[in-house]
Amino acid sequence: MTDDTTSLVLEHLRHIRAKVDSLDERVGRVELRLSVIEQTLGGLYAMAGSDRDTLQSAIRRIERLEQRLDLVDH
């Protein structure tokens, strides 16, 4: 290989390396953002389950009150 060819190959390899490094950095940022989204969704699911339990508890209490006050049809 001539010096010109070697130099050209090295230049291309440096360019490729820079692109790979840039992509690696971007993938790292995307992974971080995805992790935050997953944590947020997990929290939302947990809150939804808690809200559902709270609602069911309130419904049971209202039903008991209606029965005590004889407001329900038997």
PDB file of N, CA and C in Angstrom:
ATOM      1  N   MET A   1       0.833  -1.177   0.000  1.00  0.00           N
ATOM      2  CA  MET A   1       0.000   0.000   0.000  1.00  0.00           C
ATOM      3  C   MET A   1       0.876   1.237   0.000  1.00  0.00           C
ATOM      4  N   THR A   2       0.428   2.204  -0.722  1.00  0.00           N
ATOM      5  CA  THR A   2       1.184   3.453  -0.749  1.00  0.00           C
ATOM      6  C   THR A   2       0.787   4.304   0.447  1.00  0.00           C
ATOM      7  N   ASP A   3       1.601   5.316   0.694  1.00  0.00           N
ATOM      8  CA  ASP A   3       1.310   6.210   1.819  1.00  0.00           C
ATOM      9  C   ASP A   3      -0.017   6.927   1.634  1.00  0.00           C
ATOM     10  N   ASP A   4      -0.344   7.284   0.386  1.00  0.00           N
ATOM     11  CA  ASP A   4      -1.620   7.963   0.120  1.00  0.00           C
ATOM     12  C   ASP A   4      -2.801   7.048   0.431  1.00  0.00           C
ATOM     13  N   THR A   5      -2.698   5.809   0.036  1.00  0.00           N
ATOM     14  CA  THR A   5      -3.775   4.843   0.286  1.00  0.00           C
ATOM     15  C   THR A   5      -3.916   4.591   1.783  1.00  0.00           C
ATOM     16  N   THR A   6      -2.793   4.416   2.469  1.00  0.00           N
ATOM     17  CA  THR A   6      -2.817   4.196   3.911  1.00  0.00           C
ATOM     18  C   THR A   6      -3.443   5.394   4.615  1.00  0.00           C
ATOM     19  N   SER A   7      -3.082   6.560   4.202  1.00  0.00           N
ATOM     20  CA  SER A   7      -3.621   7.781   4.787  1.00  0.00           C
ATOM     21  C   SER A   7      -5.128   7.879   4.555  1.00  0.00           C
ATOM     22  N   LEU A   8      -5.569   7.537   3.355  1.00  0.00           N
ATOM     23  CA  LEU A   8      -6.992   7.580   3.029  1.00  0.00           C
ATOM     24  C   LEU A   8      -7.772   6.566   3.868  1.00  0.00           C
ATOM     25  N   VAL A   9      -7.233   5.360   4.001  1.00  0.00           N
ATOM     26  CA  VAL A   9      -7.883   4.326   4.807  1.00  0.00           C
ATOM     27  C   VAL A   9      -7.977   4.775   6.262  1.00  0.00           C
ATOM     28  N   LEU A  10      -6.890   5.328   6.791  1.00  0.00           N
ATOM     29  CA  LEU A  10      -6.901   5.809   8.173  1.00  0.00           C
ATOM     30  C   LEU A  10      -7.920   6.928   8.363  1.00  0.00           C
ATOM     31  N   GLU A  11      -8.011   7.797   7.383  1.00  0.00           N
ATOM     32  CA  GLU A  11      -8.985   8.888   7.462  1.00  0.00           C
ATOM     33  C   GLU A  11     -10.408   8.342   7.512  1.00  0.00           C
ATOM     34  N   HIS A  12     -10.696   7.355   6.679  1.00  0.00           N
ATOM     35  CA  HIS A  12     -12.021   6.733   6.682  1.00  0.00           C
ATOM     36  C   HIS A  12     -12.282   6.024   8.004  1.00  0.00           C
ATOM     37  N   LEU A  13     -11.281   5.330   8.506  1.00  0.00           N
ATOM     38  CA  LEU A  13     -11.445   4.639   9.787  1.00  0.00           C
ATOM     39  C   LEU A  13     -11.698   5.620  10.931  1.00  0.00           C
ATOM     40  N   ARG A  14     -11.036   6.752  10.923  1.00  0.00           N
ATOM     41  CA  ARG A  14     -11.277   7.781  11.952  1.00  0.00           C
ATOM     42  C   ARG A  14     -12.705   8.319  11.858  1.00  0.00           C
ATOM     43  N   HIS A  15     -13.141   8.528  10.621  1.00  0.00           N
ATOM     44  CA  HIS A  15     -14.501   9.020  10.412  1.00  0.00           C
ATOM     45  C   HIS A  15     -15.518   7.989  10.920  1.00  0.00           C
ATOM     46  N   ILE A  16     -15.309   6.738  10.580  1.00  0.00           N
ATOM     47  CA  ILE A  16     -16.196   5.663  11.034  1.00  0.00           C
ATOM     48  C   ILE A  16     -16.199   5.597  12.561  1.00  0.00           C
ATOM     49  N   ARG A  17     -15.032   5.683  13.168  1.00  0.00           N
ATOM     50  CA  ARG A  17     -14.915   5.637  14.629  1.00  0.00           C
ATOM     51  C   ARG A  17     -15.679   6.799  15.287  1.00  0.00           C
ATOM     52  N   ALA A  18     -15.568   7.982  14.689  1.00  0.00           N
ATOM     53  CA  ALA A  18     -16.283   9.146  15.230  1.00  0.00           C
ATOM     54  C   ALA A  18     -17.791   8.931  15.146  1.00  0.00           C
ATOM     55  N   LYS A  19     -18.255   8.381  14.043  1.00  0.00           N
ATOM     56  CA  LYS A  19     -19.689   8.107  13.898  1.00  0.00           C
ATOM     57  C   LYS A  19     -20.151   7.059  14.907  1.00  0.00           C
ATOM     58  N   VAL A  20     -19.374   6.009  15.092  1.00  0.00           N
ATOM     59  CA  VAL A  20     -19.722   4.958  16.055  1.00  0.00           C
ATOM     60  C   VAL A  20     -19.769   5.541  17.463  1.00  0.00           C
ATOM     61  N   ASP A  21     -18.805   6.374  17.821  1.00  0.00           N
ATOM     62  CA  ASP A  21     -18.799   7.011  19.140  1.00  0.00           C
ATOM     63  C   ASP A  21     -20.036   7.889  19.320  1.00  0.00           C
ATOM     64  N   SER A  22     -20.405   8.634  18.286  1.00  0.00           N
ATOM     65  CA  SER A  22     -21.579   9.490  18.339  1.00  0.00           C
ATOM     66  C   SER A  22     -22.853   8.661  18.511  1.00  0.00           C
ATOM     67  N   LEU A  23     -22.951   7.581  17.762  1.00  0.00           N
ATOM     68  CA  LEU A  23     -24.114   6.703  17.876  1.00  0.00           C
ATOM     69  C   LEU A  23     -24.179   6.049  19.250  1.00  0.00           C
ATOM     70  N   ASP A  24     -23.025   5.657  19.777  1.00  0.00           N
ATOM     71  CA  ASP A  24     -22.972   5.044  21.101  1.00  0.00           C
ATOM     72  C   ASP A  24     -23.482   6.017  22.162  1.00  0.00           C
ATOM     73  N   GLU A  25     -23.097   7.268  22.040  1.00  0.00           N
ATOM     74  CA  GLU A  25     -23.549   8.294  22.987  1.00  0.00           C
ATOM     75  C   GLU A  25     -25.056   8.501  22.873  1.00  0.00           C
ATOM     76  N   ARG A  26     -25.556   8.551  21.654  1.00  0.00           N
ATOM     77  CA  ARG A  26     -26.997   8.747  21.440  1.00  0.00           C
ATOM     78  C   ARG A  26     -27.798   7.562  21.963  1.00  0.00           C
ATOM     79  N   VAL A  27     -27.318   6.352  21.731  1.00  0.00           N
ATOM     80  CA  VAL A  27     -28.005   5.162  22.233  1.00  0.00           C
ATOM     81  C   VAL A  27     -28.036   5.187  23.764  1.00  0.00           C
ATOM     82  N   GLY A  28     -26.956   5.619  24.369  1.00  0.00           N
ATOM     83  CA  GLY A  28     -26.922   5.735  25.828  1.00  0.00           C
ATOM     84  C   GLY A  28     -27.978   6.697  26.342  1.00  0.00           C
ATOM     85  N   ARG A  29     -28.137   7.832  25.664  1.00  0.00           N
ATOM     86  CA  ARG A  29     -29.166   8.799  26.067  1.00  0.00           C
ATOM     87  C   ARG A  29     -30.568   8.225  25.871  1.00  0.00           C
ATOM     88  N   VAL A  30     -30.781   7.510  24.765  1.00  0.00           N
ATOM     89  CA  VAL A  30     -32.091   6.904  24.505  1.00  0.00           C
ATOM     90  C   VAL A  30     -32.394   5.844  25.566  1.00  0.00           C
ATOM     91  N   GLU A  31     -31.396   5.056  25.938  1.00  0.00           N
ATOM     92  CA  GLU A  31     -31.596   4.045  26.983  1.00  0.00           C
ATOM     93  C   GLU A  31     -31.969   4.699  28.311  1.00  0.00           C
ATOM     94  N   LEU A  32     -31.329   5.791  28.632  1.00  0.00           N
ATOM     95  CA  LEU A  32     -31.634   6.509  29.867  1.00  0.00           C
ATOM     96  C   LEU A  32     -33.065   7.028  29.845  1.00  0.00           C
ATOM     97  N   ARG A  33     -33.462   7.633  28.738  1.00  0.00           N
ATOM     98  CA  ARG A  33     -34.826   8.149  28.630  1.00  0.00           C
ATOM     99  C   ARG A  33     -35.844   7.015  28.691  1.00  0.00           C
ATOM    100  N   LEU A  34     -35.557   5.894  28.066  1.00  0.00           N
ATOM    101  CA  LEU A  34     -36.456   4.748  28.101  1.00  0.00           C
ATOM    102  C   LEU A  34     -36.597   4.228  29.526  1.00  0.00           C
ATOM    103  N   SER A  35     -35.503   4.201  30.250  1.00  0.00           N
ATOM    104  CA  SER A  35     -35.543   3.764  31.645  1.00  0.00           C
ATOM    105  C   SER A  35     -36.445   4.668  32.477  1.00  0.00           C
ATOM    106  N   VAL A  36     -36.358   5.971  32.268  1.00  0.00           N
ATOM    107  CA  VAL A  36     -37.203   6.920  32.994  1.00  0.00           C
ATOM    108  C   VAL A  36     -38.672   6.699  32.628  1.00  0.00           C
ATOM    109  N   ILE A  37     -38.950   6.470  31.360  1.00  0.00           N
ATOM    110  CA  ILE A  37     -40.329   6.216  30.919  1.00  0.00           C
ATOM    111  C   ILE A  37     -40.855   4.943  31.570  1.00  0.00           C
ATOM    112  N   GLU A  38     -40.042   3.892  31.615  1.00  0.00           N
ATOM    113  CA  GLU A  38     -40.463   2.640  32.233  1.00  0.00           C
ATOM    114  C   GLU A  38     -40.757   2.831  33.720  1.00  0.00           C
ATOM    115  N   GLN A  39     -39.926   3.585  34.407  1.00  0.00           N
ATOM    116  CA  GLN A  39     -40.159   3.844  35.824  1.00  0.00           C
ATOM    117  C   GLN A  39     -41.443   4.640  36.026  1.00  0.00           C
ATOM    118  N   THR A  40     -41.690   5.609  35.172  1.00  0.00           N
ATOM    119  CA  THR A  40     -42.902   6.418  35.269  1.00  0.00           C
ATOM    120  C   THR A  40     -44.143   5.560  35.039  1.00  0.00           C
ATOM    121  N   LEU A  41     -44.098   4.706  34.018  1.00  0.00           N
ATOM    122  CA  LEU A  41     -45.236   3.827  33.755  1.00  0.00           C
ATOM    123  C   LEU A  41     -45.477   2.866  34.913  1.00  0.00           C
ATOM    124  N   GLY A  42     -44.411   2.349  35.484  1.00  0.00           N
ATOM    125  CA  GLY A  42     -44.554   1.471  36.642  1.00  0.00           C
ATOM    126  C   GLY A  42     -45.242   2.187  37.791  1.00  0.00           C
ATOM    127  N   GLY A  43     -44.860   3.426  38.018  1.00  0.00           N
ATOM    128  CA  GLY A  43     -45.500   4.223  39.068  1.00  0.00           C
ATOM    129  C   GLY A  43     -46.963   4.473  38.771  1.00  0.00           C
ATOM    130  N   LEU A  44     -47.286   4.746  37.514  1.00  0.00           N
ATOM    131  CA  LEU A  44     -48.682   4.975  37.135  1.00  0.00           C
ATOM    132  C   LEU A  44     -49.525   3.724  37.328  1.00  0.00           C
ATOM    133  N   TYR A  45     -48.977   2.566  36.966  1.00  0.00           N
ATOM    134  CA  TYR A  45     -49.707   1.317  37.169  1.00  0.00           C
ATOM    135  C   TYR A  45     -49.943   1.062  38.650  1.00  0.00           C
ATOM    136  N   ALA A  46     -48.944   1.326  39.461  1.00  0.00           N
ATOM    137  CA  ALA A  46     -49.087   1.130  40.906  1.00  0.00           C
ATOM    138  C   ALA A  46     -50.155   2.068  41.468  1.00  0.00           C
ATOM    139  N   MET A  47     -50.142   3.327  41.026  1.00  0.00           N
ATOM    140  CA  MET A  47     -51.146   4.277  41.502  1.00  0.00           C
ATOM    141  C   MET A  47     -52.542   3.878  41.037  1.00  0.00           C
ATOM    142  N   ALA A  48     -52.655   3.381  39.817  1.00  0.00           N
ATOM    143  CA  ALA A  48     -53.958   2.969  39.297  1.00  0.00           C
ATOM    144  C   ALA A  48     -54.504   1.815  40.135  1.00  0.00           C
ATOM    145  N   GLY A  49     -53.662   0.877  40.507  1.00  0.00           N
ATOM    146  CA  GLY A  49     -54.091  -0.238  41.352  1.00  0.00           C
ATOM    147  C   GLY A  49     -54.539   0.255  42.710  1.00  0.00           C
ATOM    148  N   SER A  50     -53.793   1.194  43.267  1.00  0.00           N
ATOM    149  CA  SER A  50     -54.143   1.765  44.566  1.00  0.00           C
ATOM    150  C   SER A  50     -55.458   2.525  44.479  1.00  0.00           C
ATOM    151  N   ASP A  51     -55.628   3.295  43.412  1.00  0.00           N
ATOM    152  CA  ASP A  51     -56.878   4.038  43.214  1.00  0.00           C
ATOM    153  C   ASP A  51     -58.063   3.089  43.080  1.00  0.00           C
ATOM    154  N   ARG A  52     -57.862   1.990  42.373  1.00  0.00           N
ATOM    155  CA  ARG A  52     -58.927   1.013  42.187  1.00  0.00           C
ATOM    156  C   ARG A  52     -59.334   0.420  43.541  1.00  0.00           C
ATOM    157  N   ASP A  53     -58.346   0.104  44.378  1.00  0.00           N
ATOM    158  CA  ASP A  53     -58.631  -0.426  45.717  1.00  0.00           C
ATOM    159  C   ASP A  53     -59.383   0.597  46.560  1.00  0.00           C
ATOM    160  N   THR A  54     -58.948   1.845  46.486  1.00  0.00           N
ATOM    161  CA  THR A  54     -59.602   2.915  47.240  1.00  0.00           C
ATOM    162  C   THR A  54     -61.043   3.084  46.780  1.00  0.00           C
ATOM    163  N   LEU A  55     -61.278   3.039  45.480  1.00  0.00           N
ATOM    164  CA  LEU A  55     -62.627   3.171  44.936  1.00  0.00           C
ATOM    165  C   LEU A  55     -63.509   2.009  45.387  1.00  0.00           C
ATOM    166  N   GLN A  56     -62.985   0.800  45.328  1.00  0.00           N
ATOM    167  CA  GLN A  56     -63.766  -0.366  45.759  1.00  0.00           C
ATOM    168  C   GLN A  56     -64.128  -0.264  47.239  1.00  0.00           C
ATOM    169  N   SER A  57     -63.195   0.213  48.036  1.00  0.00           N
ATOM    170  CA  SER A  57     -63.451   0.399  49.462  1.00  0.00           C
ATOM    171  C   SER A  57     -64.558   1.428  49.678  1.00  0.00           C
ATOM    172  N   ALA A  58     -64.500   2.529  48.943  1.00  0.00           N
ATOM    173  CA  ALA A  58     -65.535   3.564  49.060  1.00  0.00           C
ATOM    174  C   ALA A  58     -66.896   3.021  48.626  1.00  0.00           C
ATOM    175  N   ILE A  59     -66.941   2.234  47.582  1.00  0.00           N
ATOM    176  CA  ILE A  59     -68.203   1.643  47.114  1.00  0.00           C
ATOM    177  C   ILE A  59     -68.782   0.729  48.191  1.00  0.00           C
ATOM    178  N   ARG A  60     -67.937  -0.094  48.804  1.00  0.00           N
ATOM    179  CA  ARG A  60     -68.411  -0.985  49.875  1.00  0.00           C
ATOM    180  C   ARG A  60     -68.986  -0.183  51.040  1.00  0.00           C
ATOM    181  N   ARG A  61     -68.312   0.896  51.405  1.00  0.00           N
ATOM    182  CA  ARG A  61     -68.785   1.731  52.512  1.00  0.00           C
ATOM    183  C   ARG A  61     -70.134   2.371  52.177  1.00  0.00           C
ATOM    184  N   ILE A  62     -70.278   2.864  50.955  1.00  0.00           N
ATOM    185  CA  ILE A  62     -71.550   3.469  50.540  1.00  0.00           C
ATOM    186  C   ILE A  62     -72.664   2.429  50.559  1.00  0.00           C
ATOM    187  N   GLU A  63     -72.360   1.235  50.080  1.00  0.00           N
ATOM    188  CA  GLU A  63     -73.364   0.164  50.080  1.00  0.00           C
ATOM    189  C   GLU A  63     -73.800  -0.172  51.502  1.00  0.00           C
ATOM    190  N   ARG A  64     -72.838  -0.230  52.435  1.00  0.00           N
ATOM    191  CA  ARG A  64     -73.184  -0.511  53.837  1.00  0.00           C
ATOM    192  C   ARG A  64     -74.052   0.609  54.411  1.00  0.00           C
ATOM    193  N   LEU A  65     -73.699   1.861  54.098  1.00  0.00           N
ATOM    194  CA  LEU A  65     -74.500   2.992  54.579  1.00  0.00           C
ATOM    195  C   LEU A  65     -75.921   2.931  54.018  1.00  0.00           C
ATOM    196  N   GLU A  66     -76.038   2.622  52.726  1.00  0.00           N
ATOM    197  CA  GLU A  66     -77.361   2.515  52.111  1.00  0.00           C
ATOM    198  C   GLU A  66     -78.190   1.434  52.789  1.00  0.00           C
ATOM    199  N   GLN A  67     -77.534   0.304  53.115  1.00  0.00           N
ATOM    200  CA  GLN A  67     -78.256  -0.781  53.791  1.00  0.00           C
ATOM    201  C   GLN A  67     -78.693  -0.358  55.192  1.00  0.00           C
ATOM    202  N   ARG A  68     -77.809   0.292  55.927  1.00  0.00           N
ATOM    203  CA  ARG A  68     -78.152   0.747  57.286  1.00  0.00           C
ATOM    204  C   ARG A  68     -79.300   1.753  57.269  1.00  0.00           C
ATOM    205  N   LEU A  69     -79.310   2.617  56.279  1.00  0.00           N
ATOM    206  CA  LEU A  69     -80.360   3.625  56.187  1.00  0.00           C
ATOM    207  C   LEU A  69     -81.581   3.110  55.438  1.00  0.00           C
ATOM    208  N   ASP A  70     -81.504   1.836  55.056  1.00  0.00           N
ATOM    209  CA  ASP A  70     -82.606   1.168  54.346  1.00  0.00           C
ATOM    210  C   ASP A  70     -82.967   1.925  53.075  1.00  0.00           C
ATOM    211  N   LEU A  71     -81.938   2.307  52.309  1.00  0.00           N
ATOM    212  CA  LEU A  71     -82.148   3.026  51.060  1.00  0.00           C
ATOM    213  C   LEU A  71     -82.095   2.121  49.828  1.00  0.00           C
ATOM    214  N   VAL A  72     -81.807   0.862  50.038  1.00  0.00           N
ATOM    215  CA  VAL A  72     -81.676  -0.057  48.890  1.00  0.00           C
ATOM    216  C   VAL A  72     -82.922  -0.913  48.778  1.00  0.00           C
ATOM    217  N   ASP A  73     -83.282  -1.234  47.544  1.00  0.00           N
ATOM    218  CA  ASP A  73     -84.421  -2.139  47.311  1.00  0.00           C
ATOM    219  C   ASP A  73     -83.941  -3.563  47.514  1.00  0.00           C
ATOM    220  N   HIS A  74     -84.735  -4.350  48.217  1.00  0.00           N
ATOM    221  CA  HIS A  74     -84.358  -5.748  48.492  1.00  0.00           C
ATOM    222  C   HIS A  74     -85.000  -6.671  47.542  1.00  0.00           C
TER     223      HIS A  74
END
